[in-house]
């Protein structure tokens, strides 16, 4: 098997060796230790693929989560997403369980750790160790500031008492990042982040025996932990005492961008399967995709997918290029992208009919994809938590939006160069501009849409909807922007996420190096029409011309083994396949 580097996981792949997990994992449609059939069997048995974990270990997967300045491979977050998408195209539970949970924990150290802590965590990740996240308590859900697990400091150590629930890898991780209450005072300064390492002390915490069973992400080893005066050295305090909320909300911005962008790969694989199924499955004297209803379902799913891909891709780039604006942008992505992808998967499940839940080969993996993706909207700062991040910042966003008239072209240049992520530039405010909403007004974007009258008119209507949203936000009172906000205020935050997605789609389509599918007038208009439908609360059927074009695009890409996501940079297995060609 190909190894990563000649002596250490810190190194890039040796010249001439594949650095692509797609190549290392092999064709998922073919029989093998990490093919779809085996993955489905492993999922049924609630285990992860030992063969795939071995590949990831040899590949030095943990180094992807370590900034290059600390000896790892992480420079561009866009590249990180590209490198991990092959995992999520096969088994999201492996991606989450083997690595992304560790990334979520490590982010807090990159944000607030001191030099010694950063170096220690970097070394641990590079040598393949995992870190679990002990944040959640079932009685409080995503309301982390009302958690009851507490820590007191005595003699240079913290002593932790209480429980944490649904901890991924609690029984396998070498370290756990614990959010513990360290003050009885209410408010955001009541909790502290503590890093407990198994090699710091010999005494383990009391109980990790109960495994939590879930419908999705079955391979993940979720468990509970009971702490009975668990000793944590004072040197394990991440950030200042009482700063847990501030640190976590800053770190969430990166994970809220990365997780939806990885979920794109799962739906990309599902769409590939749906096209194959619809083209092969005989029905009523033809095939499934001869039926107008089936074609409409597939086209709608593709349109939702393209919108989600544009938003997630641009927000990942914003971490580097517009970090001050990422509190709102990443919350919008973590809220809307999973909803769009879930909608697409529901449409595809109707297209598959009984085939997916009856586990008919080779499409049995779709049922697992559907269950796994259902976890994404609720996990790690769920949908409501994301809207609650946006709500109090709506007035500030509105002021910035009204004075932002142009976009940064680099934000929409998918695959363009990015410097190493500077965690210190991420903020907990609304920033100074509206980089996505501005695309609906940007003269350059409008000029590039002008030849396509249908798409240009839709862009104009969405710009007017953005102005209307501003007037509605102006009318809100301060009491309507907190945790007890009325449904109407949540609805405004929801509308904002849709309009930011429209801006992302418009900006990607207008880019000088835009992927070929985003330059197609019918596809441009179809996706904007889909957003307009969601804004109205009723999604009408797509125009037949849109349906035909979207399906032709998907059939062409599937036939040539090219990923459907415009944000994916891929090396086709067939040399004659070209990323930029169209059907």
Protein backbone atom coordinates (compact mmCIF):
# COMPACT_ATOMS: atom_id res chain seq x y z
CA UNK A 1 0.00 0.00 0.00
CA UNK A 2 1.22 3.49 -0.75
CA UNK A 3 2.49 5.35 2.26
CA UNK A 4 2.43 9.07 2.95
CA UNK A 5 5.95 10.40 2.94
CA UNK A 6 9.15 8.48 3.34
CA UNK A 7 9.52 8.64 7.11
CA UNK A 8 6.83 10.72 8.78
CA UNK A 9 3.16 11.61 8.34
CA UNK A 10 4.27 15.25 8.45
CA UNK A 11 5.61 14.89 4.92
CA UNK A 12 3.66 15.16 1.72
CA UNK A 13 3.41 12.07 -0.42
CA UNK A 14 6.67 11.02 -1.98
CA UNK A 15 7.01 12.10 -5.62
CA UNK A 16 5.25 9.70 -7.95
CA UNK A 17 3.01 8.23 -5.27
CA UNK A 18 -0.73 9.00 -5.14
CA UNK A 19 -1.79 11.62 -2.60
CA UNK A 20 -5.46 10.98 -3.36
CA UNK A 21 -7.64 8.87 -1.11
CA UNK A 22 -9.84 8.01 -4.08
CA UNK A 23 -6.91 6.07 -5.51
CA UNK A 24 -5.98 4.50 -2.18
CA UNK A 25 -9.54 3.41 -1.36
CA UNK A 26 -10.32 2.09 -4.84
CA UNK A 27 -13.58 2.09 -6.79
CA UNK A 28 -16.46 1.94 -4.27
CA UNK A 29 -18.71 0.22 -6.81
CA UNK A 30 -16.29 -2.69 -7.09
CA UNK A 31 -16.00 -5.52 -4.52
CA UNK A 32 -13.31 -4.82 -1.99
CA UNK A 33 -12.51 -4.07 1.65
CA UNK A 34 -13.87 -0.52 1.31
CA UNK A 35 -16.45 -0.90 -1.42
CA UNK A 36 -20.09 0.08 -0.96
CA UNK A 37 -21.23 -3.46 -0.20
CA UNK A 38 -18.64 -3.89 2.55
CA UNK A 39 -19.36 -0.42 3.95
CA UNK A 40 -23.06 -1.29 4.17
CA UNK A 41 -22.23 -4.52 6.01
CA UNK A 42 -19.93 -2.68 8.42
CA UNK A 43 -22.66 -0.11 9.03
CA UNK A 44 -25.16 -2.85 9.82
CA UNK A 45 -22.67 -4.22 12.35
CA UNK A 46 -22.08 -0.71 13.78
CA UNK A 47 -18.37 -0.76 13.11
CA UNK A 48 -15.91 1.19 11.02
CA UNK A 49 -13.86 -0.35 8.27
CA UNK A 50 -10.60 -1.62 9.74
CA UNK A 51 -9.07 -1.59 6.25
CA UNK A 52 -10.01 2.06 5.68
CA UNK A 53 -8.75 3.10 9.10
CA UNK A 54 -5.45 1.39 8.34
CA UNK A 55 -5.17 3.36 5.09
CA UNK A 56 -5.89 6.62 6.90
CA UNK A 57 -3.36 5.81 9.60
CA UNK A 58 -0.66 5.11 7.04
CA UNK A 59 -1.69 8.20 5.08
CA UNK A 60 -1.07 10.28 8.19
CA UNK A 61 -4.60 11.65 8.29
CA UNK A 62 -4.13 13.60 11.52
CA UNK A 63 -1.52 15.83 9.91
CA UNK A 64 -4.29 17.35 7.77
CA UNK A 65 -5.72 18.99 10.89
CA UNK A 66 -2.42 20.55 11.96
CA UNK A 67 -1.47 23.96 10.52
CA UNK A 68 1.64 23.85 8.36
CA UNK A 69 3.31 26.34 10.69
CA UNK A 70 3.07 23.69 13.41
CA UNK A 71 4.44 20.87 11.25
CA UNK A 72 1.23 19.61 9.65
CA UNK A 73 -0.31 19.78 6.17
CA UNK A 74 -3.09 22.33 6.69
CA UNK A 75 -2.61 25.49 4.66
CA UNK A 76 -5.75 25.95 2.57
CA UNK A 77 -8.99 24.83 4.23
CA UNK A 78 -10.36 24.35 0.71
CA UNK A 79 -7.60 21.80 0.08
CA UNK A 80 -8.34 20.10 3.40
CA UNK A 81 -11.95 19.63 2.30
CA UNK A 82 -10.87 18.28 -1.08
CA UNK A 83 -8.54 15.77 0.53
CA UNK A 84 -11.24 14.46 2.91
CA UNK A 85 -14.14 14.31 0.49
CA UNK A 86 -13.24 10.81 -0.77
CA UNK A 87 -13.98 9.55 2.75
CA UNK A 88 -17.38 11.24 2.86
CA UNK A 89 -18.22 9.90 -0.60
CA UNK A 90 -17.99 6.43 0.91
CA UNK A 91 -18.67 6.50 4.64
CA UNK A 92 -19.50 9.74 6.51
CA UNK A 93 -19.31 7.93 9.84
CA UNK A 94 -15.67 7.06 9.13
CA UNK A 95 -14.94 10.68 8.25
CA UNK A 96 -16.57 11.94 11.43
CA UNK A 97 -15.40 9.16 13.70
CA UNK A 98 -11.83 8.84 12.51
CA UNK A 99 -10.98 12.49 12.06
CA UNK A 100 -13.47 15.35 12.03
CA UNK A 101 -14.29 15.03 15.73
CA UNK A 102 -10.57 15.40 16.44
CA UNK A 103 -10.48 18.48 14.21
CA UNK A 104 -13.40 19.99 16.15
CA UNK A 105 -11.46 19.58 19.41
CA UNK A 106 -8.12 20.76 18.02
CA UNK A 107 -9.65 23.94 16.64
CA UNK A 108 -10.11 25.23 20.19
CA UNK A 109 -6.38 24.79 20.78
CA UNK A 110 -5.45 26.55 17.53
CA UNK A 111 -7.77 29.40 18.55
CA UNK A 112 -6.77 29.88 22.20
CA UNK A 113 -3.96 27.53 23.20
CA UNK A 114 -0.52 28.77 24.16
CA UNK A 115 2.61 27.82 22.21
CA UNK A 116 3.30 24.75 24.36
CA UNK A 117 -0.28 23.49 24.07
CA UNK A 118 -0.33 23.97 20.31
CA UNK A 119 2.95 22.12 19.90
CA UNK A 120 1.77 19.25 22.09
CA UNK A 121 -1.54 18.82 20.27
CA UNK A 122 0.21 19.10 16.90
CA UNK A 123 2.60 16.28 17.86
CA UNK A 124 -0.27 14.13 19.10
CA UNK A 125 -2.31 14.54 15.93
CA UNK A 126 0.65 13.95 13.64
CA UNK A 127 1.40 10.65 15.35
CA UNK A 128 -2.22 9.58 14.92
CA UNK A 129 -3.84 10.29 18.28
CA UNK A 130 -7.49 11.29 18.60
CA UNK A 131 -9.17 13.94 20.74
CA UNK A 132 -12.79 13.56 21.85
CA UNK A 133 -15.14 16.49 22.50
CA UNK A 134 -16.87 16.46 25.89
CA UNK A 135 -19.23 19.42 25.48
CA UNK A 136 -22.79 18.13 25.47
CA UNK A 137 -25.20 17.05 28.18
CA UNK A 138 -28.50 15.57 27.04
CA UNK A 139 -30.57 17.62 29.47
CA UNK A 140 -29.28 20.81 27.86
CA UNK A 141 -28.69 19.90 24.21
CA UNK A 142 -26.80 22.66 22.41
CA UNK A 143 -27.29 25.10 25.29
CA UNK A 144 -23.71 24.69 26.48
CA UNK A 145 -23.84 27.54 29.00
CA UNK A 146 -26.36 25.70 31.15
CA UNK A 147 -24.31 22.52 31.43
CA UNK A 148 -23.80 21.19 34.94
CA UNK A 149 -20.52 19.26 34.71
CA UNK A 150 -18.24 21.30 36.99
CA UNK A 151 -14.56 21.67 37.82
CA UNK A 152 -12.85 23.11 40.90
CA UNK A 153 -9.17 24.04 41.15
CA UNK A 154 -7.03 22.70 44.01
CA UNK A 155 -3.28 22.54 44.26
CA UNK A 156 -2.47 23.20 40.61
CA UNK A 157 -5.09 20.81 39.23
CA UNK A 158 -8.70 20.95 38.16
CA UNK A 159 -10.99 18.26 39.51
CA UNK A 160 -13.95 17.50 37.24
CA UNK A 161 -17.24 16.05 38.46
CA UNK A 162 -20.36 15.31 36.44
CA UNK A 163 -21.36 13.74 33.14
CA UNK A 164 -20.96 14.38 29.44
CA UNK A 165 -23.00 12.57 26.81
CA UNK A 166 -22.79 11.37 23.19
CA UNK A 167 -19.01 11.77 23.08
CA UNK A 168 -17.57 10.44 19.84
CA UNK A 169 -14.56 8.14 20.39
CA UNK A 170 -14.83 8.43 24.16
CA UNK A 171 -13.42 4.93 24.50
CA UNK A 172 -10.73 5.28 21.85
CA UNK A 173 -9.44 8.84 22.09
CA UNK A 174 -6.15 9.55 23.83
CA UNK A 175 -7.45 12.95 24.99
CA UNK A 176 -10.78 14.61 25.80
CA UNK A 177 -11.54 18.33 25.63
CA UNK A 178 -14.05 19.01 28.40
CA UNK A 179 -16.25 22.08 28.78
CA UNK A 180 -16.80 22.40 32.51
CA UNK A 181 -18.59 24.92 34.69
CA UNK A 182 -16.00 26.77 36.80
CA UNK A 183 -18.25 29.50 38.17
CA UNK A 184 -21.75 29.56 39.61
CA UNK A 185 -22.38 32.95 38.06
CA UNK A 186 -24.78 33.00 35.08
CA UNK A 187 -23.62 34.15 31.68
CA UNK A 188 -20.89 33.49 29.16
CA UNK A 189 -17.96 33.55 31.63
CA UNK A 190 -19.04 30.52 33.63
CA UNK A 191 -17.30 27.70 31.74
CA UNK A 192 -13.70 26.71 31.00
CA UNK A 193 -12.12 24.35 28.46
CA UNK A 194 -9.94 21.61 29.96
CA UNK A 195 -7.78 19.14 28.02
CA UNK A 196 -7.41 15.77 29.73
CA UNK A 197 -4.78 13.39 28.35
CA UNK A 198 -4.69 9.72 29.24
CA UNK A 199 -0.91 9.89 29.66
CA UNK A 200 -1.12 12.81 32.13
CA UNK A 201 -2.52 10.70 34.97
CA UNK A 202 -3.10 7.03 35.62
CA UNK A 203 -6.63 7.44 36.94
CA UNK A 204 -9.33 7.15 34.27
CA UNK A 205 -12.78 8.64 34.57
CA UNK A 206 -15.41 6.45 36.14
CA UNK A 207 -17.55 5.10 33.34
CA UNK A 208 -17.46 4.90 29.57
CA UNK A 209 -19.22 1.57 29.25
CA UNK A 210 -22.56 2.64 27.74
CA UNK A 211 -22.43 3.01 23.99
CA UNK A 212 -25.05 5.32 22.52
CA UNK A 213 -26.74 3.76 19.49
CA UNK A 214 -27.97 6.04 16.71
CA UNK A 215 -29.83 5.52 13.44
CA UNK A 216 -27.25 7.46 11.43
CA UNK A 217 -23.46 7.44 11.70
CA UNK A 218 -23.72 3.93 13.15
CA UNK A 219 -19.99 3.30 12.90
CA UNK A 220 -19.21 6.16 15.26
CA UNK A 221 -18.49 5.04 18.79
CA UNK A 222 -20.63 7.44 20.80
CA UNK A 223 -20.61 7.07 24.55
CA UNK A 224 -21.09 8.80 27.87
CA UNK A 225 -18.52 9.73 30.46
CA UNK A 226 -18.96 10.08 34.21
CA UNK A 227 -16.28 12.14 35.92
CA UNK A 228 -15.63 11.61 39.64
CA UNK A 229 -12.98 14.16 40.60
CA UNK A 230 -11.10 13.57 37.36
CA UNK A 231 -7.75 15.38 37.80
CA UNK A 232 -6.70 17.69 34.95
CA UNK A 233 -3.41 19.60 35.24
CA UNK A 234 -3.76 23.38 35.28
CA UNK A 235 -1.58 23.36 32.17
CA UNK A 236 -4.52 21.72 30.40
CA UNK A 237 -6.59 24.91 30.62
CA UNK A 238 -7.26 25.97 27.02
CA UNK A 239 -7.64 29.73 26.91
CA UNK A 240 -8.39 31.80 29.98
CA UNK A 241 -10.61 30.41 32.74
CA UNK A 242 -14.20 31.33 31.95
CA UNK A 243 -13.49 31.82 28.22
CA UNK A 244 -14.93 28.52 26.97
CA UNK A 245 -17.94 30.07 25.24
CA UNK A 246 -15.86 32.65 23.39
CA UNK A 247 -13.25 30.12 22.32
CA UNK A 248 -15.80 27.51 21.26
CA UNK A 249 -17.88 29.97 19.24
CA UNK A 250 -14.74 31.09 17.42
CA UNK A 251 -13.69 27.49 16.74
CA UNK A 252 -17.23 26.60 15.63
CA UNK A 253 -16.80 28.96 12.69
CA UNK A 254 -14.26 26.63 11.10
CA UNK A 255 -16.15 23.39 11.78
CA UNK A 256 -19.43 25.00 10.65
CA UNK A 257 -17.75 25.70 7.31
CA UNK A 258 -15.91 22.39 6.92
CA UNK A 259 -18.64 19.89 7.89
CA UNK A 260 -21.25 21.06 5.31
CA UNK A 261 -18.56 21.20 2.62
CA UNK A 262 -17.68 17.57 3.36
CA UNK A 263 -21.35 16.52 3.36
CA UNK A 264 -21.48 17.75 -0.25
CA UNK A 265 -19.39 14.71 -1.18
CA UNK A 266 -21.93 12.29 0.27
CA UNK A 267 -24.77 13.77 -1.78
CA UNK A 268 -22.51 13.89 -4.83
CA UNK A 269 -22.10 10.12 -4.48
CA UNK A 270 -25.86 9.70 -3.92
CA UNK A 271 -26.66 11.65 -7.09
CA UNK A 272 -24.22 9.48 -9.02
CA UNK A 273 -26.07 6.40 -7.77
CA UNK A 274 -29.45 7.95 -8.57
CA UNK A 275 -28.48 8.68 -12.17
CA UNK A 276 -27.19 5.13 -12.61
CA UNK A 277 -30.33 3.69 -11.04
CA UNK A 278 -32.67 5.89 -13.07
CA UNK A 279 -30.90 5.00 -16.30
CA UNK A 280 -30.80 1.24 -15.63
CA UNK A 281 -33.96 0.39 -13.73
CA UNK A 282 -36.67 -0.89 -16.04
CA UNK A 283 -40.18 0.38 -15.42
CA UNK A 284 -43.37 0.55 -17.51
CA UNK A 285 -41.59 -0.49 -20.68
CA UNK A 286 -38.80 2.06 -20.27
CA UNK A 287 -36.46 3.20 -17.50
CA UNK A 288 -37.15 5.30 -14.42
CA UNK A 289 -35.73 8.47 -15.93
CA UNK A 290 -38.22 8.28 -18.76
CA UNK A 291 -40.91 9.27 -16.24
CA UNK A 292 -41.56 13.02 -15.91
CA UNK A 293 -42.03 12.82 -12.15
CA UNK A 294 -38.77 10.97 -11.64
CA UNK A 295 -36.93 13.45 -13.86
CA UNK A 296 -38.39 16.38 -11.91
CA UNK A 297 -37.34 14.85 -8.58
CA UNK A 298 -33.79 14.30 -9.79
CA UNK A 299 -33.50 17.77 -11.33
CA UNK A 300 -34.76 19.44 -8.16
CA UNK A 301 -32.23 17.49 -6.11
CA UNK A 302 -29.44 18.55 -8.47
CA UNK A 303 -30.44 22.21 -8.24
CA UNK A 304 -30.51 22.11 -4.42
CA UNK A 305 -27.15 20.36 -4.48
CA UNK A 306 -25.56 22.98 -6.75
CA UNK A 307 -26.77 25.82 -4.51
CA UNK A 308 -25.48 24.03 -1.40
CA UNK A 309 -22.15 23.38 -3.07
CA UNK A 310 -21.71 27.04 -4.04
CA UNK A 311 -22.55 28.32 -0.55
CA UNK A 312 -20.38 25.80 1.28
CA UNK A 313 -17.42 26.32 -1.07
CA UNK A 314 -17.50 30.11 -0.83
CA UNK A 315 -17.85 30.05 2.97
CA UNK A 316 -14.80 27.78 3.25
CA UNK A 317 -12.83 30.34 1.24
CA UNK A 318 -14.25 33.14 3.41
CA UNK A 319 -12.41 31.68 6.42
CA UNK A 320 -9.23 32.90 4.74
CA UNK A 321 -10.47 35.91 2.76
CA UNK A 322 -13.27 37.38 4.91
CA UNK A 323 -12.64 36.02 8.42
CA UNK A 324 -14.28 38.95 10.22
CA UNK A 325 -17.57 38.15 8.49
CA UNK A 326 -17.48 34.41 9.19
CA UNK A 327 -19.58 34.35 12.35
CA UNK A 328 -22.69 34.92 10.24
CA UNK A 329 -21.47 33.22 7.06
CA UNK A 330 -20.48 29.94 8.72
CA UNK A 331 -23.67 29.82 10.79
CA UNK A 332 -25.64 30.34 7.56
CA UNK A 333 -23.77 27.51 5.84
CA UNK A 334 -24.16 25.11 8.77
CA UNK A 335 -27.88 25.92 8.87
CA UNK A 336 -28.84 25.98 5.20
CA UNK A 337 -26.50 23.54 3.46
CA UNK A 338 -27.61 20.49 5.50
CA UNK A 339 -31.26 21.46 4.91
CA UNK A 340 -30.71 21.70 1.15
CA UNK A 341 -28.85 18.40 1.11
CA UNK A 342 -31.49 16.70 3.23
CA UNK A 343 -34.18 17.95 0.85
CA UNK A 344 -32.21 16.60 -2.09
CA UNK A 345 -31.82 13.21 -0.38
CA UNK A 346 -35.53 13.02 0.40
CA UNK A 347 -36.31 13.61 -3.28
CA UNK A 348 -33.84 10.92 -4.27
CA UNK A 349 -35.35 8.48 -1.79
CA UNK A 350 -38.69 8.85 -3.61
CA UNK A 351 -36.94 8.21 -6.90
CA UNK A 352 -35.31 5.03 -5.54
CA UNK A 353 -38.57 3.79 -4.05
CA UNK A 354 -38.26 0.50 -2.23
CA UNK A 355 -34.83 -0.17 -3.72
CA UNK A 356 -32.94 1.75 -1.07
CA UNK A 357 -34.62 0.46 2.07
CA UNK A 358 -34.78 -3.09 0.73
CA UNK A 359 -30.99 -2.93 0.30
CA UNK A 360 -30.93 -3.90 -3.36
CA UNK A 361 -27.34 -4.13 -4.63
CA UNK A 362 -25.52 -2.05 -5.67
CA UNK A 363 -27.71 0.75 -4.28
CA UNK A 364 -27.94 -0.35 -0.66
CA UNK A 365 -25.43 2.32 0.36
CA UNK A 366 -27.99 5.08 -0.38
CA UNK A 367 -30.04 4.15 2.68
CA UNK A 368 -26.94 4.59 4.86
CA UNK A 369 -26.17 7.95 3.22
CA UNK A 370 -29.72 9.12 3.96
CA UNK A 371 -29.46 8.15 7.64
CA UNK A 372 -25.96 9.56 8.07
CA UNK A 373 -26.83 12.94 6.58
CA UNK A 374 -29.81 13.29 8.89
CA UNK A 375 -27.27 13.74 11.71
CA UNK A 376 -25.51 16.70 10.09
CA UNK A 377 -28.19 19.39 10.75
CA UNK A 378 -28.42 18.53 14.45
CA UNK A 379 -24.83 17.67 15.31
CA UNK A 380 -22.23 20.03 16.82
CA UNK A 381 -24.19 23.26 17.06
CA UNK A 382 -27.48 22.39 15.38
CA UNK A 383 -29.80 24.36 13.14
CA UNK A 384 -31.49 26.38 15.88
CA UNK A 385 -28.13 27.22 17.44
CA UNK A 386 -26.94 28.53 14.08
CA UNK A 387 -29.98 30.78 13.70
CA UNK A 388 -29.45 31.99 17.27
CA UNK A 389 -25.93 32.99 16.25
CA UNK A 390 -27.32 35.04 13.36
CA UNK A 391 -30.29 36.67 15.13
CA UNK A 392 -28.54 39.14 17.48
CA UNK A 393 -26.22 40.18 14.65
CA UNK A 394 -28.96 41.05 12.15
CA UNK A 395 -28.95 44.82 12.80
CA UNK A 396 -25.15 45.01 12.50
CA UNK A 397 -25.24 42.86 9.36
CA UNK A 398 -27.83 45.20 7.86
CA UNK A 399 -25.64 48.28 8.41
CA UNK A 400 -22.67 46.54 6.77
CA UNK A 401 -24.80 45.24 3.94
CA UNK A 402 -26.15 48.64 3.00
CA UNK A 403 -22.67 50.00 2.49
CA UNK A 404 -21.27 46.99 0.62
CA UNK A 405 -21.72 47.31 -3.14
CA UNK A 406 -18.96 45.10 -4.58
CA UNK A 407 -17.57 41.66 -3.93
CA UNK A 408 -14.05 40.25 -3.72
CA UNK A 409 -13.62 38.13 -6.89
CA UNK A 410 -11.12 35.88 -5.08
CA UNK A 411 -13.89 34.76 -2.74
CA UNK A 412 -15.68 33.07 -5.65
CA UNK A 413 -12.59 31.77 -7.44
CA UNK A 414 -12.97 28.14 -6.45
CA UNK A 415 -9.59 26.47 -6.26
CA UNK A 416 -7.74 29.79 -6.13
CA UNK A 417 -4.68 30.11 -3.87
CA UNK A 418 -5.18 30.63 -0.15
CA UNK A 419 -2.66 31.39 2.57
CA UNK A 420 -2.62 29.54 5.88
CA UNK A 421 -5.68 30.23 8.00
CA UNK A 422 -5.09 32.93 10.62
CA UNK A 423 -7.30 31.98 13.57
CA UNK A 424 -6.65 35.33 15.20
CA UNK A 425 -8.61 37.12 12.47
CA UNK A 426 -11.85 35.26 13.19
CA UNK A 427 -14.19 37.46 15.22
CA UNK A 428 -17.41 37.21 17.19
CA UNK A 429 -19.11 40.12 15.42
CA UNK A 430 -20.84 40.82 12.13
CA UNK A 431 -17.67 42.10 10.47
CA UNK A 432 -17.40 45.18 8.28
CA UNK A 433 -19.09 44.05 5.05
CA UNK A 434 -21.62 41.73 3.43
CA UNK A 435 -19.47 39.75 0.97
CA UNK A 436 -22.23 37.41 -0.24
CA UNK A 437 -25.30 39.62 -0.27
CA UNK A 438 -23.27 42.18 -2.20
CA UNK A 439 -23.06 39.77 -5.14
CA UNK A 440 -26.76 40.40 -5.79
CA UNK A 441 -25.94 44.09 -6.41
CA UNK A 442 -22.35 43.93 -7.68
CA UNK A 443 -22.14 45.64 -11.13
CA UNK A 444 -19.64 43.07 -12.40
CA UNK A 445 -21.87 40.15 -11.41
CA UNK A 446 -24.92 41.82 -12.95
CA UNK A 447 -22.99 42.54 -16.15
CA UNK A 448 -22.00 38.89 -16.52
CA UNK A 449 -25.60 37.81 -15.95
CA UNK A 450 -26.99 40.40 -18.40
CA UNK A 451 -26.89 38.20 -21.55
CA UNK A 452 -29.07 35.63 -19.77
CA UNK A 453 -32.30 37.56 -19.34
CA UNK A 454 -34.08 34.93 -17.26
CA UNK A 455 -31.23 34.55 -14.77
CA UNK A 456 -30.57 38.31 -14.76
CA UNK A 457 -34.20 39.05 -13.93
CA UNK A 458 -34.14 36.47 -11.14
CA UNK A 459 -30.98 38.07 -9.75
CA UNK A 460 -32.72 41.45 -9.78
CA UNK A 461 -35.73 40.04 -7.91
CA UNK A 462 -33.45 38.49 -5.30
CA UNK A 463 -31.67 41.81 -4.87
CA UNK A 464 -35.06 43.41 -4.23
CA UNK A 465 -35.83 40.63 -1.73
CA UNK A 466 -32.58 41.49 0.08
CA UNK A 467 -33.67 45.13 0.32
CA UNK A 468 -37.08 44.06 1.60
CA UNK A 469 -35.43 41.84 4.21
CA UNK A 470 -33.44 44.86 5.38
CA UNK A 471 -36.63 46.82 5.95
CA UNK A 472 -38.09 43.96 7.98
CA UNK A 473 -34.92 43.70 10.09
CA UNK A 474 -35.10 47.46 10.69
CA UNK A 475 -38.50 46.95 12.27
CA UNK A 476 -37.25 44.39 14.81
CA UNK A 477 -36.81 45.36 18.44
CA UNK A 478 -33.92 44.26 20.63
CA UNK A 479 -36.23 41.90 22.55
CA UNK A 480 -36.95 40.01 19.32
CA UNK A 481 -33.29 39.11 18.73
CA UNK A 482 -32.52 36.87 21.70
CA UNK A 483 -33.01 33.22 22.61
CA UNK A 484 -36.74 33.80 23.11
CA UNK A 485 -37.17 35.43 19.69
CA UNK A 486 -40.58 34.96 18.07
CA UNK A 487 -40.98 32.68 15.01
CA UNK A 488 -41.12 35.73 12.72
CA UNK A 489 -37.59 36.72 13.71
CA UNK A 490 -36.29 33.20 13.08
CA UNK A 491 -38.00 33.37 9.69
CA UNK A 492 -35.99 36.50 8.84
CA UNK A 493 -32.74 34.76 9.75
CA UNK A 494 -33.83 31.83 7.56
CA UNK A 495 -34.50 34.21 4.65
CA UNK A 496 -31.08 35.76 5.09
CA UNK A 497 -29.39 32.37 4.69
CA UNK A 498 -31.27 31.81 1.42
CA UNK A 499 -30.24 35.22 0.08
CA UNK A 500 -26.63 34.64 1.08
CA UNK A 501 -26.82 31.36 -0.84
CA UNK A 502 -28.16 33.28 -3.84
CA UNK A 503 -25.21 35.65 -3.56
CA UNK A 504 -22.78 32.74 -3.40
CA UNK A 505 -24.37 31.14 -6.46
CA UNK A 506 -24.34 34.44 -8.36
CA UNK A 507 -20.72 35.12 -7.47
CA UNK A 508 -19.55 31.63 -8.48
CA UNK A 509 -21.48 31.83 -11.75
CA UNK A 510 -20.01 35.24 -12.58
CA UNK A 511 -16.40 34.32 -11.89
CA UNK A 512 -13.99 34.50 -14.84
CA UNK A 513 -12.88 30.90 -14.18
CA UNK A 514 -16.35 29.62 -13.26
CA UNK A 515 -16.97 25.88 -13.70
CA UNK A 516 -18.70 25.15 -17.01
CA UNK A 517 -22.03 24.13 -15.49
CA UNK A 518 -22.34 27.48 -13.68
CA UNK A 519 -21.94 29.30 -17.00
CA UNK A 520 -24.99 27.57 -18.47
CA UNK A 521 -27.93 30.05 -18.66
CA UNK A 522 -30.58 27.42 -17.92
CA UNK A 523 -28.72 26.05 -14.90
CA UNK A 524 -28.13 29.55 -13.55
CA UNK A 525 -31.81 30.39 -13.80
CA UNK A 526 -32.97 27.01 -12.47
CA UNK A 527 -31.00 27.41 -9.24
CA UNK A 528 -32.12 30.99 -8.72
CA UNK A 529 -35.71 29.89 -9.34
CA UNK A 530 -35.26 27.20 -6.70
CA UNK A 531 -34.11 29.82 -4.17
CA UNK A 532 -37.05 32.09 -5.06
CA UNK A 533 -39.40 29.19 -4.45
CA UNK A 534 -37.93 28.55 -1.03
CA UNK A 535 -38.24 32.23 -0.16
CA UNK A 536 -41.93 32.11 -1.08
CA UNK A 537 -42.48 29.04 1.09
CA UNK A 538 -43.57 26.93 -1.86
CA UNK A 539 -41.18 25.25 -4.27
CA UNK A 540 -42.92 24.90 -7.65
CA UNK A 541 -41.85 22.28 -10.19
CA UNK A 542 -38.91 23.32 -12.33
CA UNK A 543 -39.54 24.32 -15.92
CA UNK A 544 -39.13 21.27 -18.24
CA UNK A 545 -36.22 22.99 -20.01
CA UNK A 546 -34.43 23.31 -16.66
CA UNK A 547 -35.14 19.67 -15.88
CA UNK A 548 -33.74 18.44 -19.17
CA UNK A 549 -30.59 20.53 -18.83
CA UNK A 550 -29.84 19.52 -15.25
CA UNK A 551 -30.33 15.84 -16.00
CA UNK A 552 -28.19 16.05 -19.12
CA UNK A 553 -25.43 17.60 -17.00
CA UNK A 554 -25.65 14.83 -14.42
CA UNK A 555 -25.82 12.01 -16.97
CA UNK A 556 -22.80 13.39 -18.79
CA UNK A 557 -20.71 13.63 -15.63
CA UNK A 558 -21.71 10.19 -14.37
CA UNK A 559 -20.90 8.63 -17.75
CA UNK A 560 -17.40 10.07 -17.54
CA UNK A 561 -16.82 9.46 -13.82
CA UNK A 562 -16.62 13.17 -13.01
CA UNK A 563 -17.90 14.54 -9.73
CA UNK A 564 -21.02 16.64 -10.01
CA UNK A 565 -19.99 19.29 -7.47
CA UNK A 566 -18.49 22.27 -9.32
CA UNK A 567 -16.27 22.91 -6.29
CA UNK A 568 -14.59 19.49 -6.56
CA UNK A 569 -11.22 19.34 -8.21
CA UNK A 570 -10.87 15.78 -9.38
CA UNK A 571 -8.67 13.59 -11.51
CA UNK A 572 -11.03 11.41 -13.59
CA UNK A 573 -10.26 7.73 -13.78
CA UNK A 574 -10.76 7.91 -17.53
CA UNK A 575 -8.03 9.99 -19.22
CA UNK A 576 -10.42 11.21 -21.90
CA UNK A 577 -12.75 12.78 -19.33
CA UNK A 578 -12.36 16.52 -18.99
CA UNK A 579 -13.72 18.52 -16.06
CA UNK A 580 -14.67 21.50 -18.15
CA UNK A 581 -16.77 19.80 -20.81
CA UNK A 582 -20.56 19.86 -20.81
CA UNK A 583 -23.26 17.58 -22.03
